[in-house]
Amino acid sequence: MTQEFPKGAIKSIQGRSFVIRGDDIDTDRIIPARFLKCVSFSALGDQVFADDRNELKGNHPFDLVHNKGANILIVNDNFGCGSSREHAPQALMRWGIRLIIGESFAEIFFGNCLALGIPCLTSSKEVIAKLQNLVEKNITHTWHFDLKNLSFSNQKETVKLDLDEGPYNMLFTGKWDATSQLLDADEKIYITAKNLPYLNNFESII
C-alpha cells in the first residue's frame, strides 16, 4: 500500500494518538546516527527509536500493537533537541506520524517538521500531562485536530493548543509545501527565465 504524505493546506488531522514520555528526547534517540548513511529516507520509518525499542524488547510505544496505525504523537518538553538531522522528522513521518503535540520543541526540529507538513503544537506542562493521561486511558479513541480553532478533541474532551502566527499561516495556506509551490509556478518560472538577458538561449539550454 502506497503511503500518503501531506500536500497543500493542512487545516485538520484526525486519527488515534499515543504517548512518548520524557523531556529532552533528542534526535539521536529518534533516529540513531548509524542510519544517517541511507541514500533514501524511505526505509527510516522502520528504524525510528531503534535503540530504545531494542532495549525495551517490544514494549516501546512504537512497538505496542494497539499503537499500530496511530498518527498523532504526544510528547513532553524540548522534544527533538540535539543535532539538527532532518532524518528525525523523516523517520517519524515514514512510520506514520502526522501531528506532534508537546510542551516544547527544539527550534530546528520544529522547522524540519513544518517543512514536511507535520504540525508541532504546544501547550502547558499541566495540559500536556492531562492529555497524555487521557490518551493512555482511551487508546482506541479517535482524536481530531482543528487548526482554525487550535483545538484537539476526542468528542468528550477538548484541549486548546498553541502555535505561532507564522507556522499557523504556512499550514493554513499550504505555503509550508515549498516543492508543490515551485511545481505550481512552473510556467511563471519558465517565462521569467526566458526573459532574463543572460539566458537568451534558454530554450536551447533546457
Protein backbone atom coordinates (compact mmCIF):
# COMPACT_ATOMS: atom_id res chain seq x y z
CA MET A 1 0.00 0.00 0.00
CA THR A 2 1.41 3.39 -1.01
CA GLN A 3 1.83 5.75 1.92
CA GLU A 4 0.14 9.14 1.61
CA PHE A 5 2.27 12.13 2.53
CA PRO A 6 0.94 15.64 3.30
CA LYS A 7 0.25 18.09 0.48
CA GLY A 8 -1.25 21.57 0.36
CA ALA A 9 -3.04 23.30 3.22
CA ILE A 10 -3.26 21.32 6.46
CA LYS A 11 -6.30 22.50 8.39
CA SER A 12 -7.29 19.35 10.24
CA ILE A 13 -5.88 15.95 11.17
CA GLN A 14 -7.78 13.00 12.54
CA GLY A 15 -6.56 9.74 13.99
CA ARG A 16 -5.51 7.79 17.03
CA SER A 17 -2.87 9.09 19.42
CA PHE A 18 -0.16 7.63 21.60
CA VAL A 19 2.38 8.92 24.09
CA ILE A 20 6.17 9.12 24.37
CA ARG A 21 7.04 10.34 27.85
CA GLY A 22 10.22 12.16 28.85
CA ASP A 23 11.89 15.54 28.47
CA ASP A 24 14.84 16.31 26.17
CA ILE A 25 14.31 13.37 23.79
CA ASP A 26 16.94 14.14 21.19
CA THR A 27 17.27 13.37 17.50
CA ASP A 28 19.98 10.77 18.24
CA ARG A 29 17.33 8.73 20.05
CA ILE A 30 14.67 9.36 17.43
CA ILE A 31 16.97 8.04 14.67
CA PRO A 32 20.40 6.71 15.71
CA ALA A 33 23.43 8.01 13.81
CA ARG A 34 24.22 4.74 12.03
CA PHE A 35 21.06 5.15 9.94
CA LEU A 36 22.16 8.52 8.55
CA LYS A 37 24.16 6.81 5.80
CA CYS A 38 20.98 5.89 3.94
CA VAL A 39 20.67 7.14 0.36
CA SER A 40 16.89 7.43 0.71
CA PHE A 41 14.58 8.33 3.58
CA SER A 42 12.06 5.65 2.54
CA ALA A 43 13.19 2.94 4.97
CA LEU A 44 13.72 5.16 8.01
CA GLY A 45 10.25 4.53 9.44
CA ASP A 46 11.29 1.03 10.50
CA GLN A 47 14.31 2.42 12.36
CA VAL A 48 12.64 5.19 14.39
CA PHE A 49 13.73 4.92 18.06
CA ALA A 50 15.66 1.78 17.06
CA ASP A 51 17.92 1.63 20.13
CA ASP A 52 15.15 2.43 22.63
CA ARG A 53 12.92 -0.19 21.03
CA ASN A 54 15.66 -2.81 21.11
CA GLU A 55 16.29 -2.11 24.78
CA LEU A 56 12.60 -2.41 25.69
CA LYS A 57 12.16 -5.61 23.66
CA GLY A 58 8.73 -4.94 22.19
CA ASN A 59 7.38 -2.76 25.00
CA HIS A 60 8.28 0.59 23.43
CA PRO A 61 5.24 2.69 22.41
CA PHE A 62 6.26 2.38 18.74
CA ASP A 63 6.07 -1.43 19.07
CA LEU A 64 2.82 -1.84 21.02
CA VAL A 65 0.12 -3.47 18.91
CA HIS A 66 -2.58 -1.00 19.91
CA ASN A 67 -0.44 1.89 18.64
CA LYS A 68 -0.07 0.49 15.13
CA GLY A 69 -1.77 2.83 12.69
CA ALA A 70 -1.83 5.75 15.16
CA ASN A 71 -0.68 9.01 13.58
CA ILE A 72 -0.58 11.53 16.43
CA LEU A 73 2.26 11.65 18.96
CA ILE A 74 2.01 13.32 22.40
CA VAL A 75 5.41 14.26 23.89
CA ASN A 76 6.87 16.38 26.67
CA ASP A 77 9.46 19.20 26.86
CA ASN A 78 12.22 20.06 24.36
CA PHE A 79 11.38 17.21 22.01
CA GLY A 80 13.78 16.86 19.06
CA CYS A 81 16.74 18.57 20.70
CA GLY A 82 20.36 17.71 19.88
CA SER A 83 21.74 17.51 16.36
CA SER A 84 19.82 19.13 13.53
CA ARG A 85 19.43 15.95 11.44
CA GLU A 86 16.42 16.11 9.14
CA HIS A 87 16.29 12.31 9.29
CA ALA A 88 14.45 12.51 12.63
CA PRO A 89 11.17 14.02 11.37
CA GLN A 90 11.56 11.98 8.17
CA ALA A 91 11.67 8.77 10.24
CA LEU A 92 8.63 9.81 12.26
CA MET A 93 6.67 10.73 9.13
CA ARG A 94 7.53 7.49 7.38
CA TRP A 95 6.44 5.50 10.41
CA GLY A 96 3.10 7.30 10.08
CA ILE A 97 3.21 10.34 12.38
CA ARG A 98 1.26 13.32 11.01
CA LEU A 99 0.93 15.55 14.12
CA ILE A 100 3.03 16.06 17.27
CA ILE A 101 1.78 17.79 20.41
CA GLY A 102 4.08 18.61 23.32
CA GLU A 103 5.29 21.15 25.87
CA SER A 104 8.01 22.49 23.55
CA PHE A 105 10.15 21.55 20.56
CA ALA A 106 13.74 22.22 19.58
CA GLU A 107 13.71 25.03 17.01
CA ILE A 108 15.44 23.19 14.14
CA PHE A 109 13.38 20.03 14.68
CA PHE A 110 10.22 22.17 14.63
CA GLY A 111 11.29 23.76 11.34
CA ASN A 112 12.17 20.41 9.77
CA CYS A 113 8.76 19.04 10.76
CA LEU A 114 6.99 22.08 9.32
CA ALA A 115 8.85 21.60 6.03
CA LEU A 116 7.33 18.10 5.85
CA GLY A 117 3.81 19.22 6.77
CA ILE A 118 3.94 17.80 10.29
CA PRO A 119 2.39 20.39 12.63
CA CYS A 120 4.02 20.67 16.07
CA LEU A 121 1.62 22.22 18.58
CA THR A 122 2.34 23.13 22.18
CA SER A 123 0.55 23.64 25.48
CA SER A 124 1.45 23.97 29.15
CA LYS A 125 3.03 21.19 31.19
CA GLU A 126 -0.24 20.70 33.05
CA VAL A 127 -2.34 20.45 29.88
CA ILE A 128 0.09 18.04 28.23
CA ALA A 129 0.11 15.83 31.34
CA LYS A 130 -3.68 15.77 31.31
CA LEU A 131 -3.74 14.98 27.59
CA GLN A 132 -1.19 12.18 27.92
CA ASN A 133 -3.26 10.58 30.67
CA LEU A 134 -6.43 10.88 28.59
CA VAL A 135 -4.77 9.30 25.57
CA GLU A 136 -3.35 6.40 27.57
CA LYS A 137 -6.72 5.70 29.21
CA ASN A 138 -8.57 5.83 25.89
CA ILE A 139 -6.22 4.09 23.46
CA THR A 140 -8.92 3.38 20.86
CA HIS A 141 -10.36 6.92 20.72
CA THR A 142 -10.14 8.95 17.54
CA TRP A 143 -8.85 12.48 18.08
CA HIS A 144 -9.50 15.47 15.84
CA PHE A 145 -7.12 18.40 15.44
CA ASP A 146 -8.66 21.63 14.12
CA LEU A 147 -6.07 24.20 13.04
CA LYS A 148 -8.52 27.09 12.77
CA ASN A 149 -9.55 26.81 16.42
CA LEU A 150 -6.24 25.31 17.59
CA SER A 151 -8.19 22.58 19.33
CA PHE A 152 -7.66 18.87 19.90
CA SER A 153 -10.71 16.82 20.78
CA ASN A 154 -11.98 13.27 21.16
CA GLN A 155 -15.64 14.47 21.32
CA LYS A 156 -15.61 14.10 25.11
CA GLU A 157 -12.63 16.27 25.96
CA THR A 158 -11.20 19.29 24.16
CA VAL A 159 -7.72 20.72 24.67
CA LYS A 160 -6.62 24.14 23.41
CA LEU A 161 -3.20 24.31 21.80
CA ASP A 162 -0.70 26.99 20.81
CA LEU A 163 1.04 27.75 17.52
CA ASP A 164 2.84 30.92 16.44
CA GLU A 165 1.26 33.00 13.70
CA GLY A 166 3.94 32.29 11.09
CA PRO A 167 3.71 28.47 11.13
CA TYR A 168 -0.07 28.74 11.53
CA ASN A 169 -0.36 30.74 8.30
CA MET A 170 2.03 28.42 6.45
CA LEU A 171 -0.06 25.39 7.35
CA PHE A 172 -3.40 27.11 6.73
CA THR A 173 -2.40 28.36 3.27
CA GLY A 174 -0.23 25.41 2.24
CA LYS A 175 2.88 27.58 1.96
CA TRP A 176 4.81 25.09 4.09
CA ASP A 177 4.99 22.92 0.95
CA ALA A 178 7.80 24.61 -0.97
CA THR A 179 8.12 21.83 -3.55
CA SER A 180 4.45 21.99 -4.57
CA GLN A 181 4.62 25.78 -4.76
CA LEU A 182 7.62 25.51 -7.07
CA LEU A 183 5.88 22.98 -9.32
CA ASP A 184 2.69 25.07 -9.41
CA ALA A 185 4.73 28.07 -10.53
CA ASP A 186 6.39 26.13 -13.35
CA GLU A 187 5.01 28.34 -16.14
CA LYS A 188 5.92 31.60 -14.38
CA ILE A 189 9.44 30.32 -13.71
CA TYR A 190 9.83 29.37 -17.37
CA ILE A 191 8.68 32.80 -18.57
CA THR A 192 10.92 34.64 -16.09
CA ALA A 193 13.95 32.56 -17.04
CA LYS A 194 13.23 33.00 -20.74
CA ASN A 195 13.21 36.80 -20.35
CA LEU A 196 16.45 37.04 -18.42
CA PRO A 197 19.11 38.68 -20.67
CA TYR A 198 21.84 36.25 -19.66
CA LEU A 199 19.58 33.30 -20.53
CA ASN A 200 18.57 34.44 -24.02
CA ASN A 201 19.36 30.91 -25.24
CA PHE A 202 17.12 29.43 -22.51
CA GLU A 203 15.19 27.07 -24.80
CA SER A 204 18.35 25.50 -26.19
CA ILE A 205 19.65 25.03 -22.64
CA ILE A 206 16.61 23.05 -21.49
